[in-house]
Amino acid sequence: EEVIHVNKAQSVLFFGALSWLLLFIFGSEAETHQRVMEGLQENI
């Protein structure tokens, strides 16, 4: 954080949100999509 001068909250929030976006994009099959949706709801 002190080297890149980016607030740690901003950076981990970006990587965390991006991870779930990718899970939905690459999990488009009905069964997989439902499992990812349930996982996100549990996480949230």
ModelCIF file with pLDDT and N, C-alpha, C, O atoms, coordinates in Angstrom:
data_MODEL
#
_entry.id   MODEL 
#
_entity.id                         1 
_entity.type                       polymer 
_entity.pdbx_number_of_molecules   1 
#
_entity_poly.entity_id                      1 
_entity_poly.type                           'polypeptide(L)' 
_entity_poly.nstd_linkage                   no 
_entity_poly.nstd_monomer                   no 
_entity_poly.pdbx_seq_one_letter_code       EEVIHVNKAQSVLFFGALSWLLLFIFGSEAETHQRVMEGLQENI 
_entity_poly.pdbx_seq_one_letter_code_can   EEVIHVNKAQSVLFFGALSWLLLFIFGSEAETHQRVMEGLQENI 
_entity_poly.pdbx_strand_id                 A 
#
loop_
_entity_poly_seq.entity_id 
_entity_poly_seq.num 
_entity_poly_seq.mon_id 
_entity_poly_seq.hetero 
1 1  GLU n 
1 2  GLU n 
1 3  VAL n 
1 4  ILE n 
1 5  HIS n 
1 6  VAL n 
1 7  ASN n 
1 8  LYS n 
1 9  ALA n 
1 10 GLN n 
1 11 SER n 
1 12 VAL n 
1 13 LEU n 
1 14 PHE n 
1 15 PHE n 
1 16 GLY n 
1 17 ALA n 
1 18 LEU n 
1 19 SER n 
1 20 TRP n 
1 21 LEU n 
1 22 LEU n 
1 23 LEU n 
1 24 PHE n 
1 25 ILE n 
1 26 PHE n 
1 27 GLY n 
1 28 SER n 
1 29 GLU n 
1 30 ALA n 
1 31 GLU n 
1 32 THR n 
1 33 HIS n 
1 34 GLN n 
1 35 ARG n 
1 36 VAL n 
1 37 MET n 
1 38 GLU n 
1 39 GLY n 
1 40 LEU n 
1 41 GLN n 
1 42 GLU n 
1 43 ASN n 
1 44 ILE n 
#
_struct_asym.id          A 
_struct_asym.entity_id   1 
#
loop_
_ma_qa_metric.id 
_ma_qa_metric.mode 
_ma_qa_metric.name 
_ma_qa_metric.software_group_id 
_ma_qa_metric.type 
1 global pLDDT . pLDDT 
2 local  pLDDT . pLDDT 
#
_ma_qa_metric_global.metric_id      1 
_ma_qa_metric_global.metric_value   87.68 
_ma_qa_metric_global.model_id       1 
_ma_qa_metric_global.ordinal_id     1 
#
loop_
_ma_qa_metric_local.label_asym_id 
_ma_qa_metric_local.label_comp_id 
_ma_qa_metric_local.label_seq_id 
_ma_qa_metric_local.metric_id 
_ma_qa_metric_local.metric_value 
_ma_qa_metric_local.model_id 
_ma_qa_metric_local.ordinal_id 
A GLU 1  2 76.00 1 1  
A GLU 2  2 70.00 1 2  
A VAL 3  2 78.00 1 3  
A ILE 4  2 83.00 1 4  
A HIS 5  2 83.00 1 5  
A VAL 6  2 86.00 1 6  
A ASN 7  2 82.00 1 7  
A LYS 8  2 81.00 1 8  
A ALA 9  2 84.00 1 9  
A GLN 10 2 90.00 1 10 
A SER 11 2 91.00 1 11 
A VAL 12 2 88.00 1 12 
A LEU 13 2 92.00 1 13 
A PHE 14 2 95.00 1 14 
A PHE 15 2 94.00 1 15 
A GLY 16 2 92.00 1 16 
A ALA 17 2 95.00 1 17 
A LEU 18 2 96.00 1 18 
A SER 19 2 94.00 1 19 
A TRP 20 2 95.00 1 20 
A LEU 21 2 95.00 1 21 
A LEU 22 2 94.00 1 22 
A LEU 23 2 93.00 1 23 
A PHE 24 2 92.00 1 24 
A ILE 25 2 91.00 1 25 
A PHE 26 2 89.00 1 26 
A GLY 27 2 78.00 1 27 
A SER 28 2 72.00 1 28 
A GLU 29 2 81.00 1 29 
A ALA 30 2 78.00 1 30 
A GLU 31 2 80.00 1 31 
A THR 32 2 84.00 1 32 
A HIS 33 2 88.00 1 33 
A GLN 34 2 90.00 1 34 
A ARG 35 2 91.00 1 35 
A VAL 36 2 92.00 1 36 
A MET 37 2 93.00 1 37 
A GLU 38 2 92.00 1 38 
A GLY 39 2 90.00 1 39 
A LEU 40 2 93.00 1 40 
A GLN 41 2 93.00 1 41 
A GLU 42 2 88.00 1 42 
A ASN 43 2 85.00 1 43 
A ILE 44 2 91.00 1 44 
#
loop_
_atom_site.group_PDB 
_atom_site.id 
_atom_site.type_symbol 
_atom_site.label_atom_id 
_atom_site.label_alt_id 
_atom_site.label_comp_id 
_atom_site.label_asym_id 
_atom_site.label_entity_id 
_atom_site.label_seq_id 
_atom_site.pdbx_PDB_ins_code 
_atom_site.Cartn_x 
_atom_site.Cartn_y 
_atom_site.Cartn_z 
_atom_site.occupancy 
_atom_site.B_iso_or_equiv 
_atom_site.pdbx_formal_charge 
_atom_site.auth_seq_id 
_atom_site.auth_comp_id 
_atom_site.auth_asym_id 
_atom_site.auth_atom_id 
_atom_site.pdbx_PDB_model_num 
ATOM 1   N N  . GLU A 1 1  ? 0.828   -1.219  0.000   1.00 76.00 ? 1  GLU A N  1 
ATOM 2   C CA . GLU A 1 1  ? 0.000   0.000   0.000   1.00 76.00 ? 1  GLU A CA 1 
ATOM 3   C C  . GLU A 1 1  ? 0.856   1.261   0.000   1.00 76.00 ? 1  GLU A C  1 
ATOM 4   O O  . GLU A 1 1  ? 0.555   2.215   -0.717  1.00 76.00 ? 1  GLU A O  1 
ATOM 5   N N  . GLU A 1 2  ? 1.918   1.272   0.796   1.00 70.00 ? 2  GLU A N  1 
ATOM 6   C CA . GLU A 1 2  ? 2.748   2.462   0.896   1.00 70.00 ? 2  GLU A CA 1 
ATOM 7   C C  . GLU A 1 2  ? 3.605   2.681   -0.351  1.00 70.00 ? 2  GLU A C  1 
ATOM 8   O O  . GLU A 1 2  ? 4.133   3.772   -0.564  1.00 70.00 ? 2  GLU A O  1 
ATOM 9   N N  . VAL A 1 3  ? 3.739   1.636   -1.171  1.00 78.00 ? 3  VAL A N  1 
ATOM 10  C CA . VAL A 1 3  ? 4.532   1.737   -2.393  1.00 78.00 ? 3  VAL A CA 1 
ATOM 11  C C  . VAL A 1 3  ? 3.672   2.182   -3.573  1.00 78.00 ? 3  VAL A C  1 
ATOM 12  O O  . VAL A 1 3  ? 4.060   3.063   -4.341  1.00 78.00 ? 3  VAL A O  1 
ATOM 13  N N  . ILE A 1 4  ? 2.482   1.552   -3.707  1.00 83.00 ? 4  ILE A N  1 
ATOM 14  C CA . ILE A 1 4  ? 1.620   1.856   -4.856  1.00 83.00 ? 4  ILE A CA 1 
ATOM 15  C C  . ILE A 1 4  ? 0.709   3.054   -4.588  1.00 83.00 ? 4  ILE A C  1 
ATOM 16  O O  . ILE A 1 4  ? 0.097   3.591   -5.512  1.00 83.00 ? 4  ILE A O  1 
ATOM 17  N N  . HIS A 1 5  ? 0.619   3.473   -3.318  1.00 83.00 ? 5  HIS A N  1 
ATOM 18  C CA . HIS A 1 5  ? -0.178  4.645   -2.931  1.00 83.00 ? 5  HIS A CA 1 
ATOM 19  C C  . HIS A 1 5  ? -1.651  4.500   -3.340  1.00 83.00 ? 5  HIS A C  1 
ATOM 20  O O  . HIS A 1 5  ? -2.286  5.451   -3.798  1.00 83.00 ? 5  HIS A O  1 
ATOM 21  N N  . VAL A 1 6  ? -2.162  3.299   -3.162  1.00 86.00 ? 6  VAL A N  1 
ATOM 22  C CA . VAL A 1 6  ? -3.585  3.039   -3.370  1.00 86.00 ? 6  VAL A CA 1 
ATOM 23  C C  . VAL A 1 6  ? -4.152  2.497   -2.060  1.00 86.00 ? 6  VAL A C  1 
ATOM 24  O O  . VAL A 1 6  ? -3.633  1.526   -1.509  1.00 86.00 ? 6  VAL A O  1 
ATOM 25  N N  . ASN A 1 7  ? -5.205  3.119   -1.572  1.00 82.00 ? 7  ASN A N  1 
ATOM 26  C CA . ASN A 1 7  ? -5.809  2.699   -0.319  1.00 82.00 ? 7  ASN A CA 1 
ATOM 27  C C  . ASN A 1 7  ? -6.168  1.213   -0.368  1.00 82.00 ? 7  ASN A C  1 
ATOM 28  O O  . ASN A 1 7  ? -6.771  0.747   -1.334  1.00 82.00 ? 7  ASN A O  1 
ATOM 29  N N  . LYS A 1 8  ? -5.795  0.474   0.679   1.00 81.00 ? 8  LYS A N  1 
ATOM 30  C CA . LYS A 1 8  ? -6.007  -0.974  0.694   1.00 81.00 ? 8  LYS A CA 1 
ATOM 31  C C  . LYS A 1 8  ? -7.476  -1.343  0.578   1.00 81.00 ? 8  LYS A C  1 
ATOM 32  O O  . LYS A 1 8  ? -7.805  -2.383  0.009   1.00 81.00 ? 8  LYS A O  1 
ATOM 33  N N  . ALA A 1 9  ? -8.363  -0.513  1.105   1.00 84.00 ? 9  ALA A N  1 
ATOM 34  C CA . ALA A 1 9  ? -9.795  -0.791  0.997   1.00 84.00 ? 9  ALA A CA 1 
ATOM 35  C C  . ALA A 1 9  ? -10.242 -0.725  -0.460  1.00 84.00 ? 9  ALA A C  1 
ATOM 36  O O  . ALA A 1 9  ? -11.054 -1.539  -0.901  1.00 84.00 ? 9  ALA A O  1 
ATOM 37  N N  . GLN A 1 10 ? -9.713  0.243   -1.205  1.00 90.00 ? 10 GLN A N  1 
ATOM 38  C CA . GLN A 1 10 ? -10.082 0.393   -2.610  1.00 90.00 ? 10 GLN A CA 1 
ATOM 39  C C  . GLN A 1 10 ? -9.585  -0.785  -3.452  1.00 90.00 ? 10 GLN A C  1 
ATOM 40  O O  . GLN A 1 10 ? -10.308 -1.291  -4.310  1.00 90.00 ? 10 GLN A O  1 
ATOM 41  N N  . SER A 1 11 ? -8.355  -1.213  -3.199  1.00 91.00 ? 11 SER A N  1 
ATOM 42  C CA . SER A 1 11 ? -7.772  -2.277  -4.018  1.00 91.00 ? 11 SER A CA 1 
ATOM 43  C C  . SER A 1 11 ? -8.423  -3.626  -3.760  1.00 91.00 ? 11 SER A C  1 
ATOM 44  O O  . SER A 1 11 ? -8.774  -4.331  -4.707  1.00 91.00 ? 11 SER A O  1 
ATOM 45  N N  . VAL A 1 12 ? -8.593  -4.002  -2.484  1.00 88.00 ? 12 VAL A N  1 
ATOM 46  C CA . VAL A 1 12 ? -9.182  -5.323  -2.211  1.00 88.00 ? 12 VAL A CA 1 
ATOM 47  C C  . VAL A 1 12 ? -10.661 -5.352  -2.596  1.00 88.00 ? 12 VAL A C  1 
ATOM 48  O O  . VAL A 1 12 ? -11.186 -6.403  -2.962  1.00 88.00 ? 12 VAL A O  1 
ATOM 49  N N  . LEU A 1 13 ? -11.331 -4.204  -2.515  1.00 92.00 ? 13 LEU A N  1 
ATOM 50  C CA . LEU A 1 13 ? -12.727 -4.151  -2.937  1.00 92.00 ? 13 LEU A CA 1 
ATOM 51  C C  . LEU A 1 13 ? -12.830 -4.411  -4.438  1.00 92.00 ? 13 LEU A C  1 
ATOM 52  O O  . LEU A 1 13 ? -13.741 -5.101  -4.897  1.00 92.00 ? 13 LEU A O  1 
ATOM 53  N N  . PHE A 1 14 ? -11.887 -3.852  -5.198  1.00 95.00 ? 14 PHE A N  1 
ATOM 54  C CA . PHE A 1 14 ? -11.872 -4.069  -6.650  1.00 95.00 ? 14 PHE A CA 1 
ATOM 55  C C  . PHE A 1 14 ? -11.643 -5.542  -6.978  1.00 95.00 ? 14 PHE A C  1 
ATOM 56  O O  . PHE A 1 14 ? -12.382 -6.125  -7.771  1.00 95.00 ? 14 PHE A O  1 
ATOM 57  N N  . PHE A 1 15 ? -10.630 -6.139  -6.374  1.00 94.00 ? 15 PHE A N  1 
ATOM 58  C CA . PHE A 1 15 ? -10.314 -7.543  -6.662  1.00 94.00 ? 15 PHE A CA 1 
ATOM 59  C C  . PHE A 1 15 ? -11.422 -8.476  -6.181  1.00 94.00 ? 15 PHE A C  1 
ATOM 60  O O  . PHE A 1 15 ? -11.724 -9.477  -6.831  1.00 94.00 ? 15 PHE A O  1 
ATOM 61  N N  . GLY A 1 16 ? -12.029 -8.140  -5.034  1.00 92.00 ? 16 GLY A N  1 
ATOM 62  C CA . GLY A 1 16 ? -13.115 -8.979  -4.522  1.00 92.00 ? 16 GLY A CA 1 
ATOM 63  C C  . GLY A 1 16 ? -14.336 -8.952  -5.416  1.00 92.00 ? 16 GLY A C  1 
ATOM 64  O O  . GLY A 1 16 ? -14.916 -9.996  -5.714  1.00 92.00 ? 16 GLY A O  1 
ATOM 65  N N  . ALA A 1 17 ? -14.736 -7.750  -5.850  1.00 95.00 ? 17 ALA A N  1 
ATOM 66  C CA . ALA A 1 17 ? -15.900 -7.621  -6.730  1.00 95.00 ? 17 ALA A CA 1 
ATOM 67  C C  . ALA A 1 17 ? -15.630 -8.268  -8.094  1.00 95.00 ? 17 ALA A C  1 
ATOM 68  O O  . ALA A 1 17 ? -16.501 -8.926  -8.662  1.00 95.00 ? 17 ALA A O  1 
ATOM 69  N N  . LEU A 1 18 ? -14.409 -8.070  -8.610  1.00 96.00 ? 18 LEU A N  1 
ATOM 70  C CA . LEU A 1 18 ? -14.048 -8.650  -9.900  1.00 96.00 ? 18 LEU A CA 1 
ATOM 71  C C  . LEU A 1 18 ? -14.103 -10.180 -9.861  1.00 96.00 ? 18 LEU A C  1 
ATOM 72  O O  . LEU A 1 18 ? -14.506 -10.814 -10.836 1.00 96.00 ? 18 LEU A O  1 
ATOM 73  N N  . SER A 1 19 ? -13.700 -10.764 -8.743  1.00 94.00 ? 19 SER A N  1 
ATOM 74  C CA . SER A 1 19 ? -13.714 -12.225 -8.612  1.00 94.00 ? 19 SER A CA 1 
ATOM 75  C C  . SER A 1 19 ? -15.126 -12.781 -8.781  1.00 94.00 ? 19 SER A C  1 
ATOM 76  O O  . SER A 1 19 ? -15.334 -13.770 -9.483  1.00 94.00 ? 19 SER A O  1 
ATOM 77  N N  . TRP A 1 20 ? -16.084 -12.141 -8.137  1.00 95.00 ? 20 TRP A N  1 
ATOM 78  C CA . TRP A 1 20 ? -17.467 -12.619 -8.230  1.00 95.00 ? 20 TRP A CA 1 
ATOM 79  C C  . TRP A 1 20 ? -18.061 -12.345 -9.609  1.00 95.00 ? 20 TRP A C  1 
ATOM 80  O O  . TRP A 1 20 ? -18.859 -13.139 -10.107 1.00 95.00 ? 20 TRP A O  1 
ATOM 81  N N  . LEU A 1 21 ? -17.681 -11.233 -10.227 1.00 95.00 ? 21 LEU A N  1 
ATOM 82  C CA . LEU A 1 21 ? -18.151 -10.961 -11.595 1.00 95.00 ? 21 LEU A CA 1 
ATOM 83  C C  . LEU A 1 21 ? -17.700 -12.062 -12.544 1.00 95.00 ? 21 LEU A C  1 
ATOM 84  O O  . LEU A 1 21 ? -18.468 -12.514 -13.393 1.00 95.00 ? 21 LEU A O  1 
ATOM 85  N N  . LEU A 1 22 ? -16.454 -12.490 -12.397 1.00 94.00 ? 22 LEU A N  1 
ATOM 86  C CA . LEU A 1 22 ? -15.929 -13.558 -13.240 1.00 94.00 ? 22 LEU A CA 1 
ATOM 87  C C  . LEU A 1 22 ? -16.630 -14.886 -12.978 1.00 94.00 ? 22 LEU A C  1 
ATOM 88  O O  . LEU A 1 22 ? -16.848 -15.676 -13.897 1.00 94.00 ? 22 LEU A O  1 
ATOM 89  N N  . LEU A 1 23 ? -16.983 -15.126 -11.713 1.00 93.00 ? 23 LEU A N  1 
ATOM 90  C CA . LEU A 1 23 ? -17.707 -16.353 -11.391 1.00 93.00 ? 23 LEU A CA 1 
ATOM 91  C C  . LEU A 1 23 ? -19.055 -16.403 -12.117 1.00 93.00 ? 23 LEU A C  1 
ATOM 92  O O  . LEU A 1 23 ? -19.468 -17.455 -12.605 1.00 93.00 ? 23 LEU A O  1 
ATOM 93  N N  . PHE A 1 24 ? -19.724 -15.272 -12.180 1.00 92.00 ? 24 PHE A N  1 
ATOM 94  C CA . PHE A 1 24 ? -21.021 -15.223 -12.874 1.00 92.00 ? 24 PHE A CA 1 
ATOM 95  C C  . PHE A 1 24 ? -20.843 -15.303 -14.394 1.00 92.00 ? 24 PHE A C  1 
ATOM 96  O O  . PHE A 1 24 ? -21.617 -15.977 -15.074 1.00 92.00 ? 24 PHE A O  1 
ATOM 97  N N  . ILE A 1 25 ? -19.837 -14.625 -14.922 1.00 91.00 ? 25 ILE A N  1 
ATOM 98  C CA . ILE A 1 25 ? -19.626 -14.605 -16.374 1.00 91.00 ? 25 ILE A CA 1 
ATOM 99  C C  . ILE A 1 25 ? -19.277 -15.995 -16.906 1.00 91.00 ? 25 ILE A C  1 
ATOM 100 O O  . ILE A 1 25 ? -19.788 -16.424 -17.940 1.00 91.00 ? 25 ILE A O  1 
ATOM 101 N N  . PHE A 1 26 ? -18.389 -16.696 -16.174 1.00 89.00 ? 26 PHE A N  1 
ATOM 102 C CA . PHE A 1 26 ? -17.948 -18.014 -16.646 1.00 89.00 ? 26 PHE A CA 1 
ATOM 103 C C  . PHE A 1 26 ? -18.806 -19.158 -16.097 1.00 89.00 ? 26 PHE A C  1 
ATOM 104 O O  . PHE A 1 26 ? -18.576 -20.324 -16.421 1.00 89.00 ? 26 PHE A O  1 
ATOM 105 N N  . GLY A 1 27 ? -19.782 -18.823 -15.276 1.00 78.00 ? 27 GLY A N  1 
ATOM 106 C CA . GLY A 1 27 ? -20.678 -19.858 -14.750 1.00 78.00 ? 27 GLY A CA 1 
ATOM 107 C C  . GLY A 1 27 ? -22.081 -19.667 -15.276 1.00 78.00 ? 27 GLY A C  1 
ATOM 108 O O  . GLY A 1 27 ? -23.037 -19.615 -14.502 1.00 78.00 ? 27 GLY A O  1 
ATOM 109 N N  . SER A 1 28 ? -22.211 -19.562 -16.562 1.00 72.00 ? 28 SER A N  1 
ATOM 110 C CA . SER A 1 28 ? -23.502 -19.246 -17.174 1.00 72.00 ? 28 SER A CA 1 
ATOM 111 C C  . SER A 1 28 ? -24.449 -20.440 -17.237 1.00 72.00 ? 28 SER A C  1 
ATOM 112 O O  . SER A 1 28 ? -25.653 -20.260 -17.420 1.00 72.00 ? 28 SER A O  1 
ATOM 113 N N  . GLU A 1 29 ? -23.914 -21.678 -17.085 1.00 81.00 ? 29 GLU A N  1 
ATOM 114 C CA . GLU A 1 29 ? -24.814 -22.827 -17.090 1.00 81.00 ? 29 GLU A CA 1 
ATOM 115 C C  . GLU A 1 29 ? -25.803 -22.704 -15.944 1.00 81.00 ? 29 GLU A C  1 
ATOM 116 O O  . GLU A 1 29 ? -25.475 -22.169 -14.885 1.00 81.00 ? 29 GLU A O  1 
ATOM 117 N N  . ALA A 1 30 ? -27.007 -23.197 -16.157 1.00 78.00 ? 30 ALA A N  1 
ATOM 118 C CA . ALA A 1 30 ? -28.099 -23.004 -15.188 1.00 78.00 ? 30 ALA A CA 1 
ATOM 119 C C  . ALA A 1 30 ? -27.726 -23.514 -13.803 1.00 78.00 ? 30 ALA A C  1 
ATOM 120 O O  . ALA A 1 30 ? -27.920 -22.812 -12.811 1.00 78.00 ? 30 ALA A O  1 
ATOM 121 N N  . GLU A 1 31 ? -27.194 -24.730 -13.727 1.00 80.00 ? 31 GLU A N  1 
ATOM 122 C CA . GLU A 1 31 ? -26.869 -25.318 -12.422 1.00 80.00 ? 31 GLU A CA 1 
ATOM 123 C C  . GLU A 1 31 ? -25.730 -24.557 -11.750 1.00 80.00 ? 31 GLU A C  1 
ATOM 124 O O  . GLU A 1 31 ? -25.784 -24.271 -10.554 1.00 80.00 ? 31 GLU A O  1 
ATOM 125 N N  . THR A 1 32 ? -24.706 -24.235 -12.523 1.00 84.00 ? 32 THR A N  1 
ATOM 126 C CA . THR A 1 32 ? -23.569 -23.500 -11.979 1.00 84.00 ? 32 THR A CA 1 
ATOM 127 C C  . THR A 1 32 ? -23.975 -22.093 -11.550 1.00 84.00 ? 32 THR A C  1 
ATOM 128 O O  . THR A 1 32 ? -23.564 -21.605 -10.497 1.00 84.00 ? 32 THR A O  1 
ATOM 129 N N  . HIS A 1 33 ? -24.793 -21.448 -12.392 1.00 88.00 ? 33 HIS A N  1 
ATOM 130 C CA . HIS A 1 33 ? -25.257 -20.090 -12.077 1.00 88.00 ? 33 HIS A CA 1 
ATOM 131 C C  . HIS A 1 33 ? -26.031 -20.072 -10.756 1.00 88.00 ? 33 HIS A C  1 
ATOM 132 O O  . HIS A 1 33 ? -25.849 -19.166 -9.943  1.00 88.00 ? 33 HIS A O  1 
ATOM 133 N N  . GLN A 1 34 ? -26.884 -21.059 -10.544 1.00 90.00 ? 34 GLN A N  1 
ATOM 134 C CA . GLN A 1 34 ? -27.668 -21.128 -9.319  1.00 90.00 ? 34 GLN A CA 1 
ATOM 135 C C  . GLN A 1 34 ? -26.756 -21.321 -8.103  1.00 90.00 ? 34 GLN A C  1 
ATOM 136 O O  . GLN A 1 34 ? -26.982 -20.722 -7.052  1.00 90.00 ? 34 GLN A O  1 
ATOM 137 N N  . ARG A 1 35 ? -25.730 -22.156 -8.253  1.00 91.00 ? 35 ARG A N  1 
ATOM 138 C CA . ARG A 1 35 ? -24.799 -22.410 -7.145  1.00 91.00 ? 35 ARG A CA 1 
ATOM 139 C C  . ARG A 1 35 ? -24.005 -21.149 -6.815  1.00 91.00 ? 35 ARG A C  1 
ATOM 140 O O  . ARG A 1 35 ? -23.780 -20.838 -5.646  1.00 91.00 ? 35 ARG A O  1 
ATOM 141 N N  . VAL A 1 36 ? -23.582 -20.428 -7.848  1.00 92.00 ? 36 VAL A N  1 
ATOM 142 C CA . VAL A 1 36 ? -22.834 -19.190 -7.619  1.00 92.00 ? 36 VAL A CA 1 
ATOM 143 C C  . VAL A 1 36 ? -23.730 -18.134 -6.971  1.00 92.00 ? 36 VAL A C  1 
ATOM 144 O O  . VAL A 1 36 ? -23.297 -17.401 -6.082  1.00 92.00 ? 36 VAL A O  1 
ATOM 145 N N  . MET A 1 37 ? -24.986 -18.065 -7.428  1.00 93.00 ? 37 MET A N  1 
ATOM 146 C CA . MET A 1 37 ? -25.936 -17.109 -6.845  1.00 93.00 ? 37 MET A CA 1 
ATOM 147 C C  . MET A 1 37 ? -26.141 -17.389 -5.358  1.00 93.00 ? 37 MET A C  1 
ATOM 148 O O  . MET A 1 37 ? -26.134 -16.465 -4.544  1.00 93.00 ? 37 MET A O  1 
ATOM 149 N N  . GLU A 1 38 ? -26.324 -18.659 -5.003  1.00 92.00 ? 38 GLU A N  1 
ATOM 150 C CA . GLU A 1 38 ? -26.508 -19.024 -3.599  1.00 92.00 ? 38 GLU A CA 1 
ATOM 151 C C  . GLU A 1 38 ? -25.252 -18.721 -2.786  1.00 92.00 ? 38 GLU A C  1 
ATOM 152 O O  . GLU A 1 38 ? -25.326 -18.295 -1.634  1.00 92.00 ? 38 GLU A O  1 
ATOM 153 N N  . GLY A 1 39 ? -24.084 -18.954 -3.420  1.00 90.00 ? 39 GLY A N  1 
ATOM 154 C CA . GLY A 1 39 ? -22.833 -18.651 -2.732  1.00 90.00 ? 39 GLY A CA 1 
ATOM 155 C C  . GLY A 1 39 ? -22.676 -17.168 -2.467  1.00 90.00 ? 39 GLY A C  1 
ATOM 156 O O  . GLY A 1 39 ? -22.220 -16.772 -1.394  1.00 90.00 ? 39 GLY A O  1 
ATOM 157 N N  . LEU A 1 40 ? -23.053 -16.334 -3.444  1.00 93.00 ? 40 LEU A N  1 
ATOM 158 C CA . LEU A 1 40 ? -22.959 -14.884 -3.265  1.00 93.00 ? 40 LEU A CA 1 
ATOM 159 C C  . LEU A 1 40 ? -23.916 -14.407 -2.178  1.00 93.00 ? 40 LEU A C  1 
ATOM 160 O O  . LEU A 1 40 ? -23.554 -13.577 -1.344  1.00 93.00 ? 40 LEU A O  1 
ATOM 161 N N  . GLN A 1 41 ? -25.138 -14.933 -2.190  1.00 93.00 ? 41 GLN A N  1 
ATOM 162 C CA . GLN A 1 41 ? -26.111 -14.537 -1.175  1.00 93.00 ? 41 GLN A CA 1 
ATOM 163 C C  . GLN A 1 41 ? -25.624 -14.905 0.225   1.00 93.00 ? 41 GLN A C  1 
ATOM 164 O O  . GLN A 1 41 ? -25.806 -14.143 1.174   1.00 93.00 ? 41 GLN A O  1 
ATOM 165 N N  . GLU A 1 42 ? -25.006 -16.075 0.343   1.00 88.00 ? 42 GLU A N  1 
ATOM 166 C CA . GLU A 1 42 ? -24.450 -16.484 1.640   1.00 88.00 ? 42 GLU A CA 1 
ATOM 167 C C  . GLU A 1 42 ? -23.302 -15.567 2.036   1.00 88.00 ? 42 GLU A C  1 
ATOM 168 O O  . GLU A 1 42 ? -23.203 -15.160 3.194   1.00 88.00 ? 42 GLU A O  1 
ATOM 169 N N  . ASN A 1 43 ? -22.436 -15.242 1.081   1.00 85.00 ? 43 ASN A N  1 
ATOM 170 C CA . ASN A 1 43 ? -21.302 -14.364 1.334   1.00 85.00 ? 43 ASN A CA 1 
ATOM 171 C C  . ASN A 1 43 ? -21.761 -12.959 1.738   1.00 85.00 ? 43 ASN A C  1 
ATOM 172 O O  . ASN A 1 43 ? -21.245 -12.373 2.690   1.00 85.00 ? 43 ASN A O  1 
ATOM 173 N N  . ILE A 1 44 ? -22.740 -12.433 0.996   1.00 91.00 ? 44 ILE A N  1 
ATOM 174 C CA . ILE A 1 44 ? -23.275 -11.101 1.310   1.00 91.00 ? 44 ILE A CA 1 
ATOM 175 C C  . ILE A 1 44 ? -23.947 -11.099 2.681   1.00 91.00 ? 44 ILE A C  1 
ATOM 176 O O  . ILE A 1 44 ? -24.456 -10.067 3.117   1.00 91.00 ? 44 ILE A O  1 
#
